[in-house]
N, C-alpha and C. Protein backbone atom coordinates (compact mmCIF):
# COMPACT_ATOMS: atom_id res chain seq x y z
N MET A 1 -148.43 -30.08 -26.47
CA MET A 1 -149.28 -31.19 -26.10
C MET A 1 -148.63 -32.45 -26.64
N THR A 2 -148.47 -33.44 -25.79
CA THR A 2 -147.80 -34.68 -26.16
C THR A 2 -148.74 -35.84 -25.94
N GLN A 3 -148.80 -36.72 -26.93
CA GLN A 3 -149.61 -37.92 -26.75
C GLN A 3 -148.74 -38.99 -26.13
N THR A 4 -149.30 -39.67 -25.15
CA THR A 4 -148.60 -40.71 -24.43
C THR A 4 -149.51 -41.91 -24.33
N THR A 5 -148.98 -43.08 -24.62
CA THR A 5 -149.75 -44.30 -24.40
C THR A 5 -148.96 -45.19 -23.47
N PRO A 6 -149.61 -45.71 -22.43
CA PRO A 6 -148.91 -46.60 -21.52
C PRO A 6 -148.39 -47.84 -22.21
N SER A 7 -149.02 -48.24 -23.27
CA SER A 7 -148.61 -49.42 -24.03
C SER A 7 -148.83 -49.13 -25.50
N ALA A 8 -147.92 -49.54 -26.33
CA ALA A 8 -148.05 -49.28 -27.76
C ALA A 8 -149.24 -50.03 -28.36
N VAL A 9 -149.71 -51.07 -27.71
CA VAL A 9 -150.78 -51.90 -28.25
C VAL A 9 -152.12 -51.59 -27.60
N LYS A 10 -152.15 -51.50 -26.28
CA LYS A 10 -153.40 -51.38 -25.55
C LYS A 10 -153.85 -49.94 -25.40
N LEU A 11 -155.06 -49.66 -25.88
CA LEU A 11 -155.66 -48.36 -25.67
C LEU A 11 -156.44 -48.40 -24.36
N LEU A 12 -156.53 -47.25 -23.71
CA LEU A 12 -157.21 -47.19 -22.42
C LEU A 12 -158.72 -47.15 -22.58
N THR A 13 -159.40 -47.81 -21.69
CA THR A 13 -160.85 -47.68 -21.55
C THR A 13 -161.09 -46.55 -20.55
N MET A 14 -162.33 -46.15 -20.38
CA MET A 14 -162.63 -45.14 -19.37
C MET A 14 -162.25 -45.65 -17.98
N GLU A 15 -162.47 -46.93 -17.73
CA GLU A 15 -162.12 -47.50 -16.43
C GLU A 15 -160.61 -47.45 -16.21
N ASP A 16 -159.83 -47.75 -17.27
CA ASP A 16 -158.37 -47.65 -17.17
C ASP A 16 -157.95 -46.21 -16.85
N TYR A 17 -158.58 -45.26 -17.54
CA TYR A 17 -158.26 -43.85 -17.35
C TYR A 17 -158.57 -43.42 -15.92
N LEU A 18 -159.71 -43.84 -15.40
CA LEU A 18 -160.08 -43.46 -14.04
C LEU A 18 -159.10 -44.03 -13.01
N ALA A 19 -158.51 -45.18 -13.31
CA ALA A 19 -157.57 -45.83 -12.39
C ALA A 19 -156.12 -45.39 -12.63
N TYR A 20 -155.85 -44.69 -13.73
CA TYR A 20 -154.48 -44.34 -14.11
C TYR A 20 -153.88 -43.32 -13.14
N ASP A 21 -152.67 -43.59 -12.69
CA ASP A 21 -151.94 -42.67 -11.83
C ASP A 21 -150.47 -42.88 -12.11
N ASP A 22 -149.82 -41.85 -12.69
CA ASP A 22 -148.39 -41.98 -12.98
C ASP A 22 -147.53 -41.37 -11.88
N GLY A 23 -148.16 -40.97 -10.78
CA GLY A 23 -147.42 -40.45 -9.64
C GLY A 23 -146.96 -39.01 -9.80
N THR A 24 -147.43 -38.33 -10.85
CA THR A 24 -147.05 -36.93 -11.07
C THR A 24 -148.30 -36.04 -10.97
N ASP A 25 -148.09 -34.75 -11.11
CA ASP A 25 -149.20 -33.79 -11.14
C ASP A 25 -149.64 -33.48 -12.57
N MET A 26 -149.11 -34.23 -13.53
CA MET A 26 -149.44 -33.98 -14.95
C MET A 26 -150.94 -34.15 -15.16
N ARG A 27 -151.52 -33.23 -15.95
CA ARG A 27 -152.94 -33.30 -16.30
C ARG A 27 -153.05 -33.94 -17.69
N TYR A 28 -154.09 -34.75 -17.86
CA TYR A 28 -154.30 -35.45 -19.13
C TYR A 28 -155.73 -35.28 -19.61
N GLU A 29 -155.90 -35.39 -20.92
CA GLU A 29 -157.19 -35.68 -21.51
C GLU A 29 -157.06 -37.06 -22.10
N LEU A 30 -158.18 -37.74 -22.23
CA LEU A 30 -158.21 -39.06 -22.86
C LEU A 30 -158.86 -38.88 -24.21
N VAL A 31 -158.12 -39.17 -25.28
CA VAL A 31 -158.62 -38.95 -26.64
C VAL A 31 -158.54 -40.26 -27.41
N ASP A 32 -159.69 -40.84 -27.68
CA ASP A 32 -159.77 -42.11 -28.40
C ASP A 32 -158.87 -43.17 -27.79
N GLY A 33 -158.90 -43.24 -26.46
CA GLY A 33 -158.16 -44.28 -25.76
C GLY A 33 -156.71 -43.94 -25.44
N GLU A 34 -156.21 -42.79 -25.91
CA GLU A 34 -154.82 -42.40 -25.67
C GLU A 34 -154.74 -41.24 -24.70
N LEU A 35 -153.77 -41.31 -23.78
CA LEU A 35 -153.53 -40.19 -22.88
C LEU A 35 -152.86 -39.06 -23.65
N VAL A 36 -153.35 -37.84 -23.46
CA VAL A 36 -152.76 -36.67 -24.08
C VAL A 36 -152.39 -35.70 -22.95
N GLU A 37 -151.09 -35.44 -22.80
CA GLU A 37 -150.63 -34.53 -21.76
C GLU A 37 -151.15 -33.13 -22.03
N MET A 38 -151.67 -32.49 -21.01
CA MET A 38 -152.13 -31.12 -21.12
C MET A 38 -151.07 -30.22 -20.49
N PRO A 39 -150.39 -29.42 -21.29
CA PRO A 39 -149.32 -28.59 -20.74
C PRO A 39 -149.87 -27.51 -19.81
N VAL A 40 -148.98 -26.93 -19.05
CA VAL A 40 -149.35 -25.80 -18.19
C VAL A 40 -149.88 -24.69 -19.09
N GLU A 41 -150.96 -24.05 -18.67
CA GLU A 41 -151.58 -22.99 -19.47
C GLU A 41 -150.65 -21.79 -19.60
N SER A 42 -150.78 -21.07 -20.72
CA SER A 42 -150.05 -19.82 -20.89
C SER A 42 -150.60 -18.81 -19.89
N GLN A 43 -149.84 -17.75 -19.64
CA GLN A 43 -150.27 -16.74 -18.68
C GLN A 43 -151.59 -16.09 -19.11
N ILE A 44 -151.72 -15.78 -20.41
CA ILE A 44 -152.95 -15.13 -20.88
C ILE A 44 -154.15 -16.06 -20.72
N ASN A 45 -154.00 -17.34 -21.04
CA ASN A 45 -155.11 -18.29 -20.90
C ASN A 45 -155.52 -18.44 -19.44
N ALA A 46 -154.54 -18.56 -18.56
CA ALA A 46 -154.83 -18.68 -17.13
C ALA A 46 -155.49 -17.42 -16.60
N SER A 47 -155.01 -16.25 -17.03
CA SER A 47 -155.60 -14.98 -16.59
C SER A 47 -157.04 -14.84 -17.03
N ILE A 48 -157.32 -15.22 -18.27
CA ILE A 48 -158.70 -15.13 -18.78
C ILE A 48 -159.63 -16.05 -17.98
N ALA A 49 -159.20 -17.28 -17.73
CA ALA A 49 -160.03 -18.22 -16.96
C ALA A 49 -160.29 -17.69 -15.55
N LYS A 50 -159.26 -17.16 -14.90
CA LYS A 50 -159.44 -16.60 -13.55
C LYS A 50 -160.38 -15.40 -13.57
N TYR A 51 -160.19 -14.53 -14.55
CA TYR A 51 -161.04 -13.34 -14.67
C TYR A 51 -162.50 -13.73 -14.84
N LEU A 52 -162.77 -14.68 -15.72
CA LEU A 52 -164.15 -15.12 -15.93
C LEU A 52 -164.72 -15.78 -14.68
N PHE A 53 -163.89 -16.54 -13.97
CA PHE A 53 -164.34 -17.14 -12.71
C PHE A 53 -164.85 -16.05 -11.77
N VAL A 54 -164.04 -15.01 -11.59
CA VAL A 54 -164.42 -13.91 -10.69
C VAL A 54 -165.67 -13.20 -11.20
N GLU A 55 -165.74 -12.94 -12.50
CA GLU A 55 -166.92 -12.26 -13.06
C GLU A 55 -168.18 -13.10 -12.91
N PHE A 56 -168.07 -14.40 -13.11
CA PHE A 56 -169.24 -15.28 -12.96
C PHE A 56 -169.75 -15.29 -11.52
N THR A 57 -168.83 -15.14 -10.54
CA THR A 57 -169.28 -15.14 -9.14
C THR A 57 -170.19 -13.95 -8.83
N LYS A 58 -170.17 -12.93 -9.67
CA LYS A 58 -171.07 -11.79 -9.49
C LYS A 58 -172.50 -12.11 -9.92
N HIS A 59 -172.67 -13.21 -10.67
CA HIS A 59 -173.97 -13.55 -11.24
C HIS A 59 -174.49 -14.93 -10.81
N LEU A 60 -173.59 -15.78 -10.31
CA LEU A 60 -173.94 -17.17 -10.01
C LEU A 60 -173.39 -17.57 -8.65
N SER A 61 -173.93 -18.63 -8.10
CA SER A 61 -173.37 -19.20 -6.88
C SER A 61 -171.96 -19.70 -7.18
N ILE A 62 -171.02 -19.37 -6.30
CA ILE A 62 -169.63 -19.79 -6.51
C ILE A 62 -169.51 -21.31 -6.58
N ALA A 63 -170.41 -22.03 -5.94
CA ALA A 63 -170.38 -23.49 -5.95
C ALA A 63 -170.60 -24.06 -7.35
N LEU A 64 -171.23 -23.30 -8.24
CA LEU A 64 -171.53 -23.80 -9.58
C LEU A 64 -170.39 -23.58 -10.58
N ILE A 65 -169.39 -22.80 -10.22
CA ILE A 65 -168.31 -22.45 -11.13
C ILE A 65 -167.08 -23.29 -10.77
N ALA A 66 -166.48 -23.94 -11.77
CA ALA A 66 -165.38 -24.85 -11.45
C ALA A 66 -164.36 -24.93 -12.58
N TRP A 67 -163.14 -25.23 -12.21
CA TRP A 67 -162.14 -25.66 -13.17
C TRP A 67 -161.57 -26.97 -12.66
N ASN A 68 -160.80 -27.63 -13.48
CA ASN A 68 -160.28 -28.97 -13.18
C ASN A 68 -161.39 -30.00 -13.02
N THR A 69 -162.51 -29.79 -13.70
CA THR A 69 -163.57 -30.79 -13.74
C THR A 69 -163.54 -31.45 -15.11
N GLU A 70 -163.39 -32.76 -15.12
CA GLU A 70 -163.33 -33.50 -16.37
C GLU A 70 -164.73 -33.84 -16.87
N ILE A 71 -164.85 -33.98 -18.19
CA ILE A 71 -166.14 -34.33 -18.79
C ILE A 71 -165.92 -35.47 -19.77
N GLU A 72 -166.56 -36.61 -19.51
CA GLU A 72 -166.51 -37.72 -20.46
C GLU A 72 -167.41 -37.36 -21.65
N VAL A 73 -166.88 -37.53 -22.85
CA VAL A 73 -167.63 -37.24 -24.07
C VAL A 73 -167.61 -38.46 -24.98
N SER A 74 -168.44 -38.44 -26.00
CA SER A 74 -168.52 -39.56 -26.94
C SER A 74 -167.38 -39.51 -27.94
N GLY A 75 -166.97 -40.67 -28.38
CA GLY A 75 -165.94 -40.78 -29.40
C GLY A 75 -165.85 -42.21 -29.89
N ARG A 76 -164.96 -42.43 -30.86
CA ARG A 76 -164.76 -43.80 -31.36
C ARG A 76 -164.35 -44.73 -30.22
N ARG A 77 -163.50 -44.20 -29.36
CA ARG A 77 -163.05 -44.93 -28.17
C ARG A 77 -163.21 -43.99 -26.98
N ALA A 78 -162.78 -44.43 -25.82
CA ALA A 78 -162.94 -43.64 -24.60
C ALA A 78 -162.34 -42.24 -24.77
N LYS A 79 -163.10 -41.25 -24.29
CA LYS A 79 -162.67 -39.87 -24.46
C LYS A 79 -163.13 -39.03 -23.28
N CYS A 80 -162.23 -38.22 -22.74
CA CYS A 80 -162.53 -37.37 -21.60
C CYS A 80 -161.80 -36.04 -21.77
N ARG A 81 -162.51 -34.93 -21.60
CA ARG A 81 -161.95 -33.60 -21.79
C ARG A 81 -161.79 -32.88 -20.45
N LEU A 82 -160.86 -31.92 -20.43
CA LEU A 82 -160.59 -31.11 -19.25
C LEU A 82 -160.68 -29.64 -19.64
N PRO A 83 -161.90 -29.07 -19.60
CA PRO A 83 -162.07 -27.68 -20.02
C PRO A 83 -161.40 -26.69 -19.07
N ASP A 84 -161.22 -25.47 -19.57
CA ASP A 84 -160.60 -24.42 -18.75
C ASP A 84 -161.52 -23.98 -17.62
N LEU A 85 -162.82 -23.96 -17.87
CA LEU A 85 -163.78 -23.49 -16.87
C LEU A 85 -165.14 -24.06 -17.21
N ILE A 86 -165.93 -24.38 -16.19
CA ILE A 86 -167.31 -24.81 -16.43
C ILE A 86 -168.25 -24.12 -15.46
N VAL A 87 -169.50 -24.05 -15.86
CA VAL A 87 -170.57 -23.64 -14.97
C VAL A 87 -171.51 -24.84 -14.86
N HIS A 88 -171.61 -25.36 -13.65
CA HIS A 88 -172.47 -26.52 -13.41
C HIS A 88 -173.94 -26.16 -13.50
N SER A 89 -174.74 -27.14 -13.85
CA SER A 89 -176.17 -27.09 -13.58
C SER A 89 -176.32 -27.52 -12.12
N GLU A 90 -177.47 -27.27 -11.54
CA GLU A 90 -177.70 -27.75 -10.16
C GLU A 90 -177.50 -29.26 -10.10
N GLU A 91 -177.96 -29.96 -11.17
CA GLU A 91 -177.88 -31.43 -11.21
C GLU A 91 -176.44 -31.92 -11.33
N SER A 92 -175.65 -31.30 -12.22
CA SER A 92 -174.26 -31.76 -12.38
C SER A 92 -173.44 -31.45 -11.13
N HIS A 93 -173.73 -30.34 -10.49
CA HIS A 93 -173.04 -30.02 -9.24
C HIS A 93 -173.39 -31.04 -8.17
N ALA A 94 -174.66 -31.39 -8.07
CA ALA A 94 -175.13 -32.30 -7.02
C ALA A 94 -174.48 -33.67 -7.13
N VAL A 95 -174.28 -34.18 -8.35
CA VAL A 95 -173.70 -35.53 -8.47
C VAL A 95 -172.23 -35.58 -8.07
N LEU A 96 -171.56 -34.42 -8.02
CA LEU A 96 -170.14 -34.40 -7.65
C LEU A 96 -169.89 -34.09 -6.19
N VAL A 97 -170.94 -33.69 -5.47
CA VAL A 97 -170.77 -33.39 -4.05
C VAL A 97 -170.28 -34.65 -3.34
N GLY A 98 -169.14 -34.54 -2.68
CA GLY A 98 -168.57 -35.68 -1.95
C GLY A 98 -167.78 -36.65 -2.82
N ALA A 99 -167.73 -36.42 -4.14
CA ALA A 99 -166.99 -37.33 -5.02
C ALA A 99 -165.49 -37.18 -4.80
N LYS A 100 -164.74 -38.27 -4.99
CA LYS A 100 -163.29 -38.24 -4.84
C LYS A 100 -162.61 -37.58 -6.03
N ARG A 101 -163.29 -37.58 -7.17
CA ARG A 101 -162.71 -37.01 -8.39
C ARG A 101 -163.78 -36.19 -9.10
N ALA A 102 -163.42 -35.00 -9.56
CA ALA A 102 -164.37 -34.13 -10.26
C ALA A 102 -164.44 -34.53 -11.73
N ILE A 103 -165.26 -35.53 -12.01
CA ILE A 103 -165.43 -36.00 -13.39
C ILE A 103 -166.91 -36.27 -13.63
N LEU A 104 -167.42 -35.69 -14.71
CA LEU A 104 -168.81 -35.91 -15.12
C LEU A 104 -168.83 -37.00 -16.19
N LEU A 105 -169.21 -38.20 -15.79
CA LEU A 105 -169.29 -39.31 -16.72
C LEU A 105 -170.52 -39.16 -17.60
N ARG A 106 -170.56 -39.92 -18.69
CA ARG A 106 -171.65 -39.76 -19.68
C ARG A 106 -173.04 -40.01 -19.10
N ASP A 107 -173.13 -40.83 -18.06
CA ASP A 107 -174.45 -41.09 -17.48
C ASP A 107 -174.86 -40.04 -16.44
N MET A 108 -174.04 -39.02 -16.27
CA MET A 108 -174.32 -37.93 -15.33
C MET A 108 -174.84 -36.71 -16.09
N PRO A 109 -175.55 -35.82 -15.40
CA PRO A 109 -176.03 -34.61 -16.07
C PRO A 109 -174.86 -33.74 -16.55
N PRO A 110 -175.02 -33.07 -17.69
CA PRO A 110 -173.96 -32.20 -18.18
C PRO A 110 -173.96 -30.86 -17.45
N PRO A 111 -172.82 -30.16 -17.48
CA PRO A 111 -172.82 -28.79 -16.97
C PRO A 111 -173.62 -27.90 -17.93
N MET A 112 -173.91 -26.67 -17.52
CA MET A 112 -174.64 -25.75 -18.38
C MET A 112 -173.73 -25.04 -19.38
N LEU A 113 -172.50 -24.80 -18.97
CA LEU A 113 -171.58 -23.99 -19.78
C LEU A 113 -170.18 -24.55 -19.66
N VAL A 114 -169.50 -24.65 -20.81
CA VAL A 114 -168.10 -25.06 -20.86
C VAL A 114 -167.33 -23.96 -21.58
N ILE A 115 -166.17 -23.61 -21.03
CA ILE A 115 -165.32 -22.59 -21.65
C ILE A 115 -163.96 -23.19 -21.95
N GLU A 116 -163.52 -22.99 -23.19
CA GLU A 116 -162.16 -23.36 -23.60
C GLU A 116 -161.47 -22.10 -24.09
N VAL A 117 -160.26 -21.85 -23.59
CA VAL A 117 -159.44 -20.75 -24.07
C VAL A 117 -158.44 -21.37 -25.03
N VAL A 118 -158.47 -20.94 -26.28
CA VAL A 118 -157.66 -21.56 -27.34
C VAL A 118 -156.18 -21.25 -27.12
N SER A 119 -155.38 -22.30 -27.09
CA SER A 119 -153.93 -22.15 -27.02
C SER A 119 -153.39 -21.97 -28.43
N PRO A 120 -152.22 -21.34 -28.57
CA PRO A 120 -151.65 -21.15 -29.92
C PRO A 120 -151.38 -22.48 -30.61
N GLY A 121 -151.49 -22.49 -31.92
CA GLY A 121 -151.18 -23.67 -32.72
C GLY A 121 -152.39 -24.24 -33.44
N THR A 122 -152.16 -24.73 -34.66
CA THR A 122 -153.23 -25.27 -35.49
C THR A 122 -153.92 -26.45 -34.83
N GLU A 123 -153.14 -27.33 -34.22
CA GLU A 123 -153.72 -28.52 -33.57
C GLU A 123 -154.70 -28.12 -32.47
N ASN A 124 -154.33 -27.10 -31.68
CA ASN A 124 -155.20 -26.62 -30.60
C ASN A 124 -156.46 -25.98 -31.15
N ARG A 125 -156.33 -25.25 -32.24
CA ARG A 125 -157.49 -24.59 -32.86
C ARG A 125 -158.48 -25.66 -33.35
N ASP A 126 -157.96 -26.69 -34.04
CA ASP A 126 -158.83 -27.78 -34.51
C ASP A 126 -159.53 -28.45 -33.33
N ARG A 127 -158.76 -28.70 -32.28
CA ARG A 127 -159.33 -29.37 -31.11
C ARG A 127 -160.48 -28.56 -30.52
N ASP A 128 -160.30 -27.26 -30.32
CA ASP A 128 -161.32 -26.45 -29.66
C ASP A 128 -162.48 -26.07 -30.58
N TYR A 129 -162.17 -25.74 -31.84
CA TYR A 129 -163.22 -25.29 -32.76
C TYR A 129 -163.98 -26.45 -33.40
N ARG A 130 -163.33 -27.57 -33.63
CA ARG A 130 -163.99 -28.67 -34.33
C ARG A 130 -164.39 -29.81 -33.41
N TYR A 131 -163.39 -30.46 -32.82
CA TYR A 131 -163.64 -31.70 -32.10
C TYR A 131 -164.44 -31.46 -30.82
N LYS A 132 -163.97 -30.55 -29.98
CA LYS A 132 -164.68 -30.31 -28.71
C LYS A 132 -166.07 -29.74 -28.98
N ARG A 133 -166.20 -28.94 -30.00
CA ARG A 133 -167.51 -28.38 -30.34
C ARG A 133 -168.52 -29.50 -30.58
N THR A 134 -168.13 -30.50 -31.36
CA THR A 134 -169.00 -31.65 -31.65
C THR A 134 -169.25 -32.47 -30.40
N GLU A 135 -168.20 -32.69 -29.62
CA GLU A 135 -168.32 -33.52 -28.41
C GLU A 135 -169.22 -32.87 -27.36
N TYR A 136 -169.07 -31.57 -27.16
CA TYR A 136 -169.88 -30.88 -26.16
C TYR A 136 -171.33 -30.78 -26.62
N ALA A 137 -171.55 -30.62 -27.92
CA ALA A 137 -172.92 -30.61 -28.45
C ALA A 137 -173.58 -31.96 -28.21
N ALA A 138 -172.84 -33.04 -28.44
CA ALA A 138 -173.39 -34.38 -28.23
C ALA A 138 -173.75 -34.63 -26.77
N ARG A 139 -173.08 -33.95 -25.85
CA ARG A 139 -173.41 -34.06 -24.41
C ARG A 139 -174.61 -33.21 -24.04
N GLY A 140 -175.06 -32.34 -24.97
CA GLY A 140 -176.21 -31.49 -24.68
C GLY A 140 -175.88 -30.33 -23.76
N ILE A 141 -174.64 -29.87 -23.79
CA ILE A 141 -174.21 -28.74 -22.97
C ILE A 141 -174.79 -27.47 -23.58
N ALA A 142 -175.53 -26.71 -22.79
CA ALA A 142 -176.31 -25.57 -23.29
C ALA A 142 -175.46 -24.53 -24.01
N GLU A 143 -174.29 -24.21 -23.46
CA GLU A 143 -173.41 -23.24 -24.11
C GLU A 143 -171.97 -23.70 -24.04
N TYR A 144 -171.27 -23.44 -25.13
CA TYR A 144 -169.84 -23.70 -25.22
C TYR A 144 -169.20 -22.42 -25.73
N TRP A 145 -168.31 -21.83 -24.93
CA TRP A 145 -167.61 -20.61 -25.32
C TRP A 145 -166.20 -20.97 -25.77
N ILE A 146 -165.84 -20.53 -26.95
CA ILE A 146 -164.48 -20.69 -27.46
C ILE A 146 -163.84 -19.31 -27.41
N ILE A 147 -162.93 -19.14 -26.49
CA ILE A 147 -162.28 -17.84 -26.29
C ILE A 147 -160.94 -17.89 -27.00
N ASP A 148 -160.78 -17.03 -27.98
CA ASP A 148 -159.62 -17.07 -28.87
C ASP A 148 -158.79 -15.80 -28.73
N PRO A 149 -157.75 -15.83 -27.86
CA PRO A 149 -156.92 -14.64 -27.66
C PRO A 149 -156.21 -14.18 -28.93
N GLU A 150 -155.82 -15.11 -29.78
CA GLU A 150 -155.11 -14.76 -31.00
C GLU A 150 -156.00 -13.97 -31.96
N MET A 151 -157.26 -14.38 -32.10
CA MET A 151 -158.20 -13.71 -32.98
C MET A 151 -158.96 -12.58 -32.26
N GLU A 152 -158.80 -12.53 -30.93
CA GLU A 152 -159.52 -11.57 -30.08
C GLU A 152 -161.03 -11.63 -30.32
N GLN A 153 -161.53 -12.87 -30.28
CA GLN A 153 -162.97 -13.08 -30.44
C GLN A 153 -163.43 -14.21 -29.53
N ILE A 154 -164.71 -14.17 -29.22
CA ILE A 154 -165.34 -15.22 -28.42
C ILE A 154 -166.50 -15.77 -29.22
N THR A 155 -166.44 -17.07 -29.49
CA THR A 155 -167.53 -17.75 -30.19
C THR A 155 -168.41 -18.41 -29.15
N LEU A 156 -169.66 -17.98 -29.11
CA LEU A 156 -170.62 -18.58 -28.18
C LEU A 156 -171.46 -19.56 -28.99
N CYS A 157 -171.32 -20.84 -28.65
CA CYS A 157 -172.08 -21.91 -29.30
C CYS A 157 -173.28 -22.22 -28.41
N LEU A 158 -174.47 -21.97 -28.92
CA LEU A 158 -175.70 -22.18 -28.17
C LEU A 158 -176.38 -23.44 -28.68
N TRP A 159 -176.67 -24.37 -27.76
CA TRP A 159 -177.27 -25.65 -28.13
C TRP A 159 -178.76 -25.45 -28.42
N VAL A 160 -179.13 -25.68 -29.68
CA VAL A 160 -180.52 -25.51 -30.11
C VAL A 160 -180.92 -26.75 -30.91
N ASN A 161 -181.93 -27.46 -30.44
CA ASN A 161 -182.45 -28.64 -31.14
C ASN A 161 -181.37 -29.63 -31.56
N GLY A 162 -180.47 -29.93 -30.64
CA GLY A 162 -179.48 -30.97 -30.88
C GLY A 162 -178.22 -30.55 -31.59
N GLN A 163 -178.03 -29.26 -31.82
CA GLN A 163 -176.79 -28.79 -32.44
C GLN A 163 -176.48 -27.38 -31.97
N TYR A 164 -175.24 -26.96 -32.19
CA TYR A 164 -174.85 -25.62 -31.79
C TYR A 164 -175.09 -24.61 -32.90
N GLU A 165 -175.60 -23.45 -32.50
CA GLU A 165 -175.68 -22.28 -33.37
C GLU A 165 -174.69 -21.28 -32.81
N ASP A 166 -173.83 -20.75 -33.68
CA ASP A 166 -172.72 -19.91 -33.23
C ASP A 166 -173.01 -18.42 -33.40
N THR A 167 -172.55 -17.66 -32.41
CA THR A 167 -172.50 -16.21 -32.50
C THR A 167 -171.08 -15.81 -32.14
N VAL A 168 -170.44 -15.02 -33.00
CA VAL A 168 -169.08 -14.58 -32.76
C VAL A 168 -169.11 -13.15 -32.24
N TYR A 169 -168.45 -12.94 -31.10
CA TYR A 169 -168.37 -11.63 -30.47
C TYR A 169 -166.94 -11.12 -30.56
N ALA A 170 -166.80 -9.84 -30.87
CA ALA A 170 -165.49 -9.20 -30.93
C ALA A 170 -165.63 -7.75 -30.48
N GLY A 171 -164.51 -7.14 -30.15
CA GLY A 171 -164.52 -5.73 -29.78
C GLY A 171 -165.36 -5.45 -28.56
N ASP A 172 -166.21 -4.40 -28.67
CA ASP A 172 -167.01 -3.94 -27.54
C ASP A 172 -168.42 -4.52 -27.51
N ALA A 173 -168.72 -5.50 -28.37
CA ALA A 173 -170.06 -6.12 -28.39
C ALA A 173 -170.26 -6.92 -27.10
N ALA A 174 -171.35 -6.64 -26.38
CA ALA A 174 -171.63 -7.36 -25.13
C ALA A 174 -171.98 -8.81 -25.42
N ILE A 175 -171.39 -9.72 -24.67
CA ILE A 175 -171.65 -11.15 -24.82
C ILE A 175 -173.04 -11.44 -24.24
N VAL A 176 -173.88 -12.11 -25.04
CA VAL A 176 -175.24 -12.44 -24.62
C VAL A 176 -175.31 -13.94 -24.35
N SER A 177 -175.50 -14.28 -23.07
CA SER A 177 -175.53 -15.67 -22.64
C SER A 177 -176.90 -16.04 -22.10
N THR A 178 -177.38 -17.22 -22.46
CA THR A 178 -178.63 -17.71 -21.88
C THR A 178 -178.38 -18.32 -20.50
N VAL A 179 -177.17 -18.81 -20.27
CA VAL A 179 -176.82 -19.42 -19.00
C VAL A 179 -176.59 -18.36 -17.93
N VAL A 180 -175.94 -17.25 -18.34
CA VAL A 180 -175.65 -16.15 -17.42
C VAL A 180 -176.23 -14.88 -18.06
N PRO A 181 -177.56 -14.73 -18.04
CA PRO A 181 -178.19 -13.63 -18.77
C PRO A 181 -177.78 -12.24 -18.31
N SER A 182 -177.33 -12.11 -17.07
CA SER A 182 -176.92 -10.79 -16.57
C SER A 182 -175.47 -10.46 -16.89
N PHE A 183 -174.76 -11.38 -17.50
CA PHE A 183 -173.36 -11.16 -17.89
C PHE A 183 -173.32 -10.06 -18.93
N ASP A 184 -172.46 -9.06 -18.74
CA ASP A 184 -172.49 -7.92 -19.65
C ASP A 184 -171.10 -7.46 -20.11
N LEU A 185 -170.14 -8.36 -20.07
CA LEU A 185 -168.80 -8.00 -20.52
C LEU A 185 -168.67 -8.17 -22.03
N SER A 186 -167.67 -7.52 -22.59
CA SER A 186 -167.36 -7.65 -24.01
C SER A 186 -166.04 -8.40 -24.16
N PRO A 187 -165.76 -8.93 -25.36
CA PRO A 187 -164.46 -9.55 -25.59
C PRO A 187 -163.31 -8.59 -25.31
N ALA A 188 -163.47 -7.32 -25.66
CA ALA A 188 -162.40 -6.34 -25.42
C ALA A 188 -162.03 -6.30 -23.94
N GLN A 189 -163.03 -6.34 -23.07
CA GLN A 189 -162.76 -6.32 -21.64
C GLN A 189 -162.07 -7.61 -21.19
N VAL A 190 -162.53 -8.73 -21.71
CA VAL A 190 -161.93 -10.02 -21.35
C VAL A 190 -160.47 -10.08 -21.79
N PHE A 191 -160.19 -9.68 -23.02
CA PHE A 191 -158.81 -9.78 -23.52
C PHE A 191 -157.91 -8.72 -22.91
N ALA A 192 -158.45 -7.56 -22.57
CA ALA A 192 -157.66 -6.53 -21.91
C ALA A 192 -157.16 -7.04 -20.56
N PHE A 193 -158.04 -7.72 -19.82
CA PHE A 193 -157.64 -8.26 -18.53
C PHE A 193 -156.59 -9.36 -18.72
N GLY A 194 -156.78 -10.22 -19.74
CA GLY A 194 -155.87 -11.32 -19.97
C GLY A 194 -154.46 -10.87 -20.29
N GLN A 195 -154.30 -9.64 -20.79
CA GLN A 195 -152.98 -9.14 -21.16
C GLN A 195 -152.31 -8.39 -20.03
N ASN A 196 -153.01 -8.25 -18.92
CA ASN A 196 -152.42 -7.55 -17.75
C ASN A 196 -151.59 -8.49 -16.91
């Protein structure tokens, strides 16, 4: 992950970020006004996201499940995240119908579920376990799943009274979701697929 600023002095506003186009297919997050390049996902991370997408379609309308949807979050300066996978609420899905860009701004309804698959490295762990956890809680997102292939565990953060309460799942323990109550996979099944 590389931080890039178009100017050493000027930090981007959300409006600058929305208008930014460097003519490439590079994906970015906006972190406190600075563009942060998002590298291509590892094979295991991409496989896990695809697997969950397919599994969620067994329980939810395919229209509600998305990747490459950005979420504006609170921070000292402008900040926008690009999760691995989201499950929309009916309201968040509705506001993006016909939109030119899949971005949920702060004045829009939040999705119901956000999933991040942790990439290797301390910086990535801090980003997913600490910073994004706080940011997604502040948006009122009902569930935030932190899928950690290195630790072979899934932390389900459930939004309760303005903060997340965590449950860590490992091995063959079935993941219990309020957003997808019929979901019955275990971390072992998720990680086994990711390694194929």
